[in-house]
């Protein structure tokens, strides 16, 4: 996987594009969730912000933590 994706040269996307793309994914770990996957990222980031308002790096981690799931849309297993 490192050889295939490590150069980040297959496709360039912004974080917002990836979040939008995640909304097309049916997550096998939560197949019956009725809201888009991006909501989970925003909810996580906001929950962390409320609990740890002084750790802005942690808010970002909460937002980004599931972005790798987008690879399932490109043929990778979940």
PDB file of N, CA and C in Angstrom:
ATOM      1  N   UNK A   1       0.821  -1.181   0.000  1.00  0.00           N
ATOM      2  CA  UNK A   1       0.000   0.000   0.000  1.00  0.00           C
ATOM      3  C   UNK A   1       0.864   1.243   0.000  1.00  0.00           C
ATOM      4  N   UNK A   2       1.965   1.182   0.689  1.00  0.00           N
ATOM      5  CA  UNK A   2       2.858   2.328   0.730  1.00  0.00           C
ATOM      6  C   UNK A   2       3.387   2.646  -0.670  1.00  0.00           C
ATOM      7  N   UNK A   3       3.756   1.609  -1.412  1.00  0.00           N
ATOM      8  CA  UNK A   3       4.268   1.828  -2.764  1.00  0.00           C
ATOM      9  C   UNK A   3       3.188   2.397  -3.678  1.00  0.00           C
ATOM     10  N   UNK A   4       1.939   1.930  -3.503  1.00  0.00           N
ATOM     11  CA  UNK A   4       0.860   2.367  -4.371  1.00  0.00           C
ATOM     12  C   UNK A   4       0.365   3.770  -4.024  1.00  0.00           C
ATOM     13  N   UNK A   5       0.214   4.053  -2.742  1.00  0.00           N
ATOM     14  CA  UNK A   5      -0.396   5.312  -2.337  1.00  0.00           C
ATOM     15  C   UNK A   5       0.563   6.300  -1.683  1.00  0.00           C
ATOM     16  N   UNK A   6       1.749   5.861  -1.328  1.00  0.00           N
ATOM     17  CA  UNK A   6       2.682   6.693  -0.577  1.00  0.00           C
ATOM     18  C   UNK A   6       3.122   7.959  -1.275  1.00  0.00           C
ATOM     19  N   UNK A   7       3.138   7.960  -2.584  1.00  0.00           N
ATOM     20  CA  UNK A   7       3.560   9.161  -3.313  1.00  0.00           C
ATOM     21  C   UNK A   7       2.439  10.189  -3.441  1.00  0.00           C
ATOM     22  N   UNK A   8       1.220   9.774  -3.111  1.00  0.00           N
ATOM     23  CA  UNK A   8       0.055  10.673  -3.215  1.00  0.00           C
ATOM     24  C   UNK A   8      -0.083  11.246  -4.624  1.00  0.00           C
ATOM     25  N   UNK A   9       0.243  10.446  -5.620  1.00  0.00           N
ATOM     26  CA  UNK A   9       0.226  10.954  -6.993  1.00  0.00           C
ATOM     27  C   UNK A   9      -0.942  10.415  -7.825  1.00  0.00           C
ATOM     28  N   UNK A  10      -1.784   9.564  -7.246  1.00  0.00           N
ATOM     29  CA  UNK A  10      -2.887   9.014  -8.020  1.00  0.00           C
ATOM     30  C   UNK A  10      -4.013  10.028  -8.229  1.00  0.00           C
ATOM     31  N   UNK A  11      -4.262  10.812  -7.207  1.00  0.00           N
ATOM     32  CA  UNK A  11      -5.321  11.813  -7.295  1.00  0.00           C
ATOM     33  C   UNK A  11      -5.087  12.867  -6.219  1.00  0.00           C
ATOM     34  N   UNK A  12      -5.257  14.097  -6.565  1.00  0.00           N
ATOM     35  CA  UNK A  12      -5.122  15.202  -5.617  1.00  0.00           C
ATOM     36  C   UNK A  12      -6.522  15.679  -5.245  1.00  0.00           C
ATOM     37  N   UNK A  13      -6.785  15.776  -3.941  1.00  0.00           N
ATOM     38  CA  UNK A  13      -8.076  16.246  -3.452  1.00  0.00           C
ATOM     39  C   UNK A  13      -7.858  17.103  -2.215  1.00  0.00           C
ATOM     40  N   UNK A  14      -8.731  18.048  -2.029  1.00  0.00           N
ATOM     41  CA  UNK A  14      -8.708  18.817  -0.785  1.00  0.00           C
ATOM     42  C   UNK A  14      -9.413  17.994   0.293  1.00  0.00           C
ATOM     43  N   UNK A  15      -9.239  18.398   1.525  1.00  0.00           N
ATOM     44  CA  UNK A  15      -9.924  17.718   2.628  1.00  0.00           C
ATOM     45  C   UNK A  15     -11.430  17.817   2.431  1.00  0.00           C
ATOM     46  N   UNK A  16     -11.917  18.956   2.011  1.00  0.00           N
ATOM     47  CA  UNK A  16     -13.361  19.119   1.789  1.00  0.00           C
ATOM     48  C   UNK A  16     -13.862  18.187   0.688  1.00  0.00           C
ATOM     49  N   UNK A  17     -13.065  17.989  -0.360  1.00  0.00           N
ATOM     50  CA  UNK A  17     -13.455  17.059  -1.426  1.00  0.00           C
ATOM     51  C   UNK A  17     -13.529  15.633  -0.897  1.00  0.00           C
ATOM     52  N   UNK A  18     -12.586  15.259  -0.056  1.00  0.00           N
ATOM     53  CA  UNK A  18     -12.592  13.910   0.512  1.00  0.00           C
ATOM     54  C   UNK A  18     -13.796  13.740   1.431  1.00  0.00           C
ATOM     55  N   UNK A  19     -14.087  14.738   2.251  1.00  0.00           N
ATOM     56  CA  UNK A  19     -15.258  14.653   3.129  1.00  0.00           C
ATOM     57  C   UNK A  19     -16.537  14.483   2.307  1.00  0.00           C
ATOM     58  N   UNK A  20     -16.658  15.224   1.215  1.00  0.00           N
ATOM     59  CA  UNK A  20     -17.826  15.092   0.343  1.00  0.00           C
ATOM     60  C   UNK A  20     -17.872  13.716  -0.311  1.00  0.00           C
ATOM     61  N   UNK A  21     -16.727  13.213  -0.716  1.00  0.00           N
ATOM     62  CA  UNK A  21     -16.651  11.903  -1.342  1.00  0.00           C
ATOM     63  C   UNK A  21     -17.022  10.803  -0.348  1.00  0.00           C
ATOM     64  N   UNK A  22     -16.655  10.973   0.901  1.00  0.00           N
ATOM     65  CA  UNK A  22     -17.004   9.992   1.935  1.00  0.00           C
ATOM     66  C   UNK A  22     -18.507   9.806   2.054  1.00  0.00           C
ATOM     67  N   UNK A  23     -19.274  10.833   1.732  1.00  0.00           N
ATOM     68  CA  UNK A  23     -20.724  10.738   1.825  1.00  0.00           C
ATOM     69  C   UNK A  23     -21.306   9.742   0.825  1.00  0.00           C
ATOM     70  N   UNK A  24     -20.534   9.344  -0.175  1.00  0.00           N
ATOM     71  CA  UNK A  24     -20.965   8.341  -1.147  1.00  0.00           C
ATOM     72  C   UNK A  24     -20.726   6.917  -0.651  1.00  0.00           C
ATOM     73  N   UNK A  25     -19.989   6.787   0.436  1.00  0.00           N
ATOM     74  CA  UNK A  25     -19.581   5.488   0.951  1.00  0.00           C
ATOM     75  C   UNK A  25     -20.597   4.955   1.962  1.00  0.00           C
ATOM     76  N   UNK A  26     -20.978   3.684   1.803  1.00  0.00           N
ATOM     77  CA  UNK A  26     -21.737   2.995   2.833  1.00  0.00           C
ATOM     78  C   UNK A  26     -20.706   2.261   3.676  1.00  0.00           C
ATOM     79  N   UNK A  27     -20.519   2.738   4.874  1.00  0.00           N
ATOM     80  CA  UNK A  27     -19.504   2.187   5.776  1.00  0.00           C
ATOM     81  C   UNK A  27     -19.969   0.833   6.303  1.00  0.00           C
ATOM     82  N   UNK A  28     -19.199  -0.202   6.046  1.00  0.00           N
ATOM     83  CA  UNK A  28     -19.568  -1.551   6.484  1.00  0.00           C
ATOM     84  C   UNK A  28     -19.680  -1.657   8.000  1.00  0.00           C
ATOM     85  N   UNK A  29     -18.980  -0.788   8.736  1.00  0.00           N
ATOM     86  CA  UNK A  29     -19.062  -0.842  10.191  1.00  0.00           C
ATOM     87  C   UNK A  29     -20.329  -0.170  10.714  1.00  0.00           C
ATOM     88  N   UNK A  30     -20.972   0.660   9.909  1.00  0.00           N
ATOM     89  CA  UNK A  30     -22.215   1.342  10.272  1.00  0.00           C
ATOM     90  C   UNK A  30     -23.148   1.422   9.067  1.00  0.00           C
ATOM     91  N   UNK A  31     -23.597   0.280   8.521  1.00  0.00           N
ATOM     92  CA  UNK A  31     -24.364   0.325   7.269  1.00  0.00           C
ATOM     93  C   UNK A  31     -25.761   0.921   7.409  1.00  0.00           C
ATOM     94  N   UNK A  32     -26.292   0.996   8.630  1.00  0.00           N
ATOM     95  CA  UNK A  32     -27.663   1.471   8.806  1.00  0.00           C
ATOM     96  C   UNK A  32     -27.758   2.905   9.308  1.00  0.00           C
ATOM     97  N   UNK A  33     -26.659   3.626   9.265  1.00  0.00           N
ATOM     98  CA  UNK A  33     -26.661   5.025   9.693  1.00  0.00           C
ATOM     99  C   UNK A  33     -27.350   5.852   8.618  1.00  0.00           C
ATOM    100  N   UNK A  34     -28.246   6.739   9.057  1.00  0.00           N
ATOM    101  CA  UNK A  34     -29.046   7.520   8.114  1.00  0.00           C
ATOM    102  C   UNK A  34     -28.463   8.886   7.761  1.00  0.00           C
ATOM    103  N   UNK A  35     -27.287   9.217   8.275  1.00  0.00           N
ATOM    104  CA  UNK A  35     -26.712  10.514   7.948  1.00  0.00           C
ATOM    105  C   UNK A  35     -25.366  10.316   7.262  1.00  0.00           C
ATOM    106  N   UNK A  36     -24.936  11.297   6.478  1.00  0.00           N
ATOM    107  CA  UNK A  36     -23.692  11.169   5.710  1.00  0.00           C
ATOM    108  C   UNK A  36     -22.465  10.972   6.607  1.00  0.00           C
ATOM    109  N   UNK A  37     -21.468  10.296   6.070  1.00  0.00           N
ATOM    110  CA  UNK A  37     -20.232  10.036   6.819  1.00  0.00           C
ATOM    111  C   UNK A  37     -19.521  11.313   7.238  1.00  0.00           C
ATOM    112  N   UNK A  38     -19.655  12.367   6.460  1.00  0.00           N
ATOM    113  CA  UNK A  38     -18.998  13.619   6.829  1.00  0.00           C
ATOM    114  C   UNK A  38     -19.544  14.149   8.159  1.00  0.00           C
ATOM    115  N   UNK A  39     -20.816  13.890   8.460  1.00  0.00           N
ATOM    116  CA  UNK A  39     -21.383  14.338   9.734  1.00  0.00           C
ATOM    117  C   UNK A  39     -20.605  13.744  10.899  1.00  0.00           C
ATOM    118  N   UNK A  40     -20.225  12.497  10.773  1.00  0.00           N
ATOM    119  CA  UNK A  40     -19.461  11.843  11.836  1.00  0.00           C
ATOM    120  C   UNK A  40     -18.141  12.580  12.075  1.00  0.00           C
ATOM    121  N   UNK A  41     -17.489  12.973  10.998  1.00  0.00           N
ATOM    122  CA  UNK A  41     -16.221  13.696  11.125  1.00  0.00           C
ATOM    123  C   UNK A  41     -16.430  15.034  11.824  1.00  0.00           C
ATOM    124  N   UNK A  42     -17.469  15.757  11.411  1.00  0.00           N
ATOM    125  CA  UNK A  42     -17.756  17.046  12.041  1.00  0.00           C
ATOM    126  C   UNK A  42     -18.172  16.879  13.500  1.00  0.00           C
ATOM    127  N   UNK A  43     -18.989  15.876  13.786  1.00  0.00           N
ATOM    128  CA  UNK A  43     -19.420  15.629  15.166  1.00  0.00           C
ATOM    129  C   UNK A  43     -18.232  15.280  16.053  1.00  0.00           C
ATOM    130  N   UNK A  44     -17.334  14.467  15.527  1.00  0.00           N
ATOM    131  CA  UNK A  44     -16.146  14.088  16.298  1.00  0.00           C
ATOM    132  C   UNK A  44     -15.286  15.310  16.595  1.00  0.00           C
ATOM    133  N   UNK A  45     -15.025  16.116  15.569  1.00  0.00           N
ATOM    134  CA  UNK A  45     -14.207  17.312  15.750  1.00  0.00           C
ATOM    135  C   UNK A  45     -14.861  18.278  16.740  1.00  0.00           C
ATOM    136  N   UNK A  46     -16.167  18.449  16.629  1.00  0.00           N
ATOM    137  CA  UNK A  46     -16.865  19.365  17.525  1.00  0.00           C
ATOM    138  C   UNK A  46     -16.883  18.839  18.959  1.00  0.00           C
ATOM    139  N   UNK A  47     -17.067  17.544  19.132  1.00  0.00           N
ATOM    140  CA  UNK A  47     -17.027  16.961  20.467  1.00  0.00           C
ATOM    141  C   UNK A  47     -15.666  17.141  21.125  1.00  0.00           C
ATOM    142  N   UNK A  48     -14.630  16.938  20.341  1.00  0.00           N
ATOM    143  CA  UNK A  48     -13.272  17.135  20.861  1.00  0.00           C
ATOM    144  C   UNK A  48     -13.035  18.610  21.184  1.00  0.00           C
ATOM    145  N   UNK A  49     -13.544  19.511  20.336  1.00  0.00           N
ATOM    146  CA  UNK A  49     -13.366  20.939  20.585  1.00  0.00           C
ATOM    147  C   UNK A  49     -14.024  21.352  21.903  1.00  0.00           C
ATOM    148  N   UNK A  50     -15.221  20.808  22.156  1.00  0.00           N
ATOM    149  CA  UNK A  50     -15.901  21.137  23.410  1.00  0.00           C
ATOM    150  C   UNK A  50     -15.154  20.581  24.615  1.00  0.00           C
ATOM    151  N   UNK A  51     -14.640  19.367  24.484  1.00  0.00           N
ATOM    152  CA  UNK A  51     -13.949  18.723  25.608  1.00  0.00           C
ATOM    153  C   UNK A  51     -12.537  19.259  25.813  1.00  0.00           C
ATOM    154  N   UNK A  52     -11.901  19.665  24.717  1.00  0.00           N
ATOM    155  CA  UNK A  52     -10.496  20.117  24.772  1.00  0.00           C
ATOM    156  C   UNK A  52     -10.337  21.393  23.945  1.00  0.00           C
ATOM    157  N   UNK A  53     -10.904  22.504  24.384  1.00  0.00           N
ATOM    158  CA  UNK A  53     -10.871  23.728  23.571  1.00  0.00           C
ATOM    159  C   UNK A  53      -9.475  24.286  23.322  1.00  0.00           C
ATOM    160  N   UNK A  54      -8.513  23.897  24.109  1.00  0.00           N
ATOM    161  CA  UNK A  54      -7.158  24.413  23.968  1.00  0.00           C
ATOM    162  C   UNK A  54      -6.267  23.572  23.057  1.00  0.00           C
ATOM    163  N   UNK A  55      -6.789  22.498  22.496  1.00  0.00           N
ATOM    164  CA  UNK A  55      -5.972  21.589  21.679  1.00  0.00           C
ATOM    165  C   UNK A  55      -6.471  21.585  20.231  1.00  0.00           C
ATOM    166  N   UNK A  56      -6.163  22.651  19.503  1.00  0.00           N
ATOM    167  CA  UNK A  56      -6.649  22.764  18.138  1.00  0.00           C
ATOM    168  C   UNK A  56      -6.158  21.636  17.236  1.00  0.00           C
ATOM    169  N   UNK A  57      -4.978  21.106  17.482  1.00  0.00           N
ATOM    170  CA  UNK A  57      -4.464  19.980  16.697  1.00  0.00           C
ATOM    171  C   UNK A  57      -5.379  18.760  16.876  1.00  0.00           C
ATOM    172  N   UNK A  58      -5.952  18.600  18.066  1.00  0.00           N
ATOM    173  CA  UNK A  58      -6.821  17.463  18.367  1.00  0.00           C
ATOM    174  C   UNK A  58      -8.157  17.606  17.620  1.00  0.00           C
ATOM    175  N   UNK A  59      -8.656  18.840  17.481  1.00  0.00           N
ATOM    176  CA  UNK A  59      -9.884  19.087  16.717  1.00  0.00           C
ATOM    177  C   UNK A  59      -9.684  18.618  15.272  1.00  0.00           C
ATOM    178  N   UNK A  60      -8.519  18.951  14.726  1.00  0.00           N
ATOM    179  CA  UNK A  60      -8.199  18.558  13.349  1.00  0.00           C
ATOM    180  C   UNK A  60      -8.114  17.042  13.217  1.00  0.00           C
ATOM    181  N   UNK A  61      -7.492  16.388  14.173  1.00  0.00           N
ATOM    182  CA  UNK A  61      -7.402  14.919  14.146  1.00  0.00           C
ATOM    183  C   UNK A  61      -8.804  14.306  14.139  1.00  0.00           C
ATOM    184  N   UNK A  62      -9.705  14.880  14.940  1.00  0.00           N
ATOM    185  CA  UNK A  62     -11.083  14.385  14.963  1.00  0.00           C
ATOM    186  C   UNK A  62     -11.749  14.501  13.605  1.00  0.00           C
ATOM    187  N   UNK A  63     -11.487  15.596  12.909  1.00  0.00           N
ATOM    188  CA  UNK A  63     -12.067  15.791  11.581  1.00  0.00           C
ATOM    189  C   UNK A  63     -11.487  14.805  10.568  1.00  0.00           C
ATOM    190  N   UNK A  64     -10.197  14.549  10.667  1.00  0.00           N
ATOM    191  CA  UNK A  64      -9.495  13.754   9.652  1.00  0.00           C
ATOM    192  C   UNK A  64      -9.484  12.248   9.907  1.00  0.00           C
ATOM    193  N   UNK A  65      -9.887  11.802  11.076  1.00  0.00           N
ATOM    194  CA  UNK A  65      -9.606  10.433  11.505  1.00  0.00           C
ATOM    195  C   UNK A  65     -10.141   9.335  10.587  1.00  0.00           C
ATOM    196  N   UNK A  66     -11.202   9.567   9.839  1.00  0.00           N
ATOM    197  CA  UNK A  66     -11.756   8.526   8.973  1.00  0.00           C
ATOM    198  C   UNK A  66     -11.537   8.767   7.479  1.00  0.00           C
ATOM    199  N   UNK A  67     -10.736   9.756   7.111  1.00  0.00           N
ATOM    200  CA  UNK A  67     -10.600  10.086   5.692  1.00  0.00           C
ATOM    201  C   UNK A  67     -10.038   8.937   4.866  1.00  0.00           C
ATOM    202  N   UNK A  68      -9.248   8.067   5.477  1.00  0.00           N
ATOM    203  CA  UNK A  68      -8.697   6.926   4.746  1.00  0.00           C
ATOM    204  C   UNK A  68      -9.756   5.981   4.215  1.00  0.00           C
ATOM    205  N   UNK A  69     -10.956   6.046   4.786  1.00  0.00           N
ATOM    206  CA  UNK A  69     -12.045   5.178   4.314  1.00  0.00           C
ATOM    207  C   UNK A  69     -12.414   5.463   2.863  1.00  0.00           C
ATOM    208  N   UNK A  70     -12.052   6.639   2.367  1.00  0.00           N
ATOM    209  CA  UNK A  70     -12.354   6.994   0.990  1.00  0.00           C
ATOM    210  C   UNK A  70     -11.702   6.010   0.005  1.00  0.00           C
ATOM    211  N   UNK A  71     -10.645   5.346   0.431  1.00  0.00           N
ATOM    212  CA  UNK A  71      -9.976   4.372  -0.452  1.00  0.00           C
ATOM    213  C   UNK A  71     -10.900   3.236  -0.851  1.00  0.00           C
ATOM    214  N   UNK A  72     -11.920   2.967  -0.062  1.00  0.00           N
ATOM    215  CA  UNK A  72     -12.895   1.921  -0.425  1.00  0.00           C
ATOM    216  C   UNK A  72     -13.617   2.281  -1.726  1.00  0.00           C
ATOM    217  N   UNK A  73     -13.756   3.550  -2.005  1.00  0.00           N
ATOM    218  CA  UNK A  73     -14.391   3.985  -3.250  1.00  0.00           C
ATOM    219  C   UNK A  73     -13.480   3.768  -4.465  1.00  0.00           C
ATOM    220  N   UNK A  74     -12.217   3.464  -4.202  1.00  0.00           N
ATOM    221  CA  UNK A  74     -11.250   3.225  -5.271  1.00  0.00           C
ATOM    222  C   UNK A  74     -10.812   1.760  -5.305  1.00  0.00           C
ATOM    223  N   UNK A  75     -11.634   0.886  -4.704  1.00  0.00           N
ATOM    224  CA  UNK A  75     -11.385  -0.552  -4.801  1.00  0.00           C
ATOM    225  C   UNK A  75     -10.696  -1.215  -3.624  1.00  0.00           C
ATOM    226  N   UNK A  76     -10.316  -0.455  -2.620  1.00  0.00           N
ATOM    227  CA  UNK A  76      -9.685  -1.051  -1.450  1.00  0.00           C
ATOM    228  C   UNK A  76     -10.751  -1.632  -0.530  1.00  0.00           C
ATOM    229  N   UNK A  77     -10.455  -2.721   0.152  1.00  0.00           N
ATOM    230  CA  UNK A  77     -11.435  -3.280   1.091  1.00  0.00           C
ATOM    231  C   UNK A  77     -11.596  -2.356   2.302  1.00  0.00           C
ATOM    232  N   UNK A  78     -12.768  -2.446   2.912  1.00  0.00           N
ATOM    233  CA  UNK A  78     -12.991  -1.612   4.113  1.00  0.00           C
ATOM    234  C   UNK A  78     -12.364  -2.230   5.324  1.00  0.00           C
TER     235      UNK A  78
END
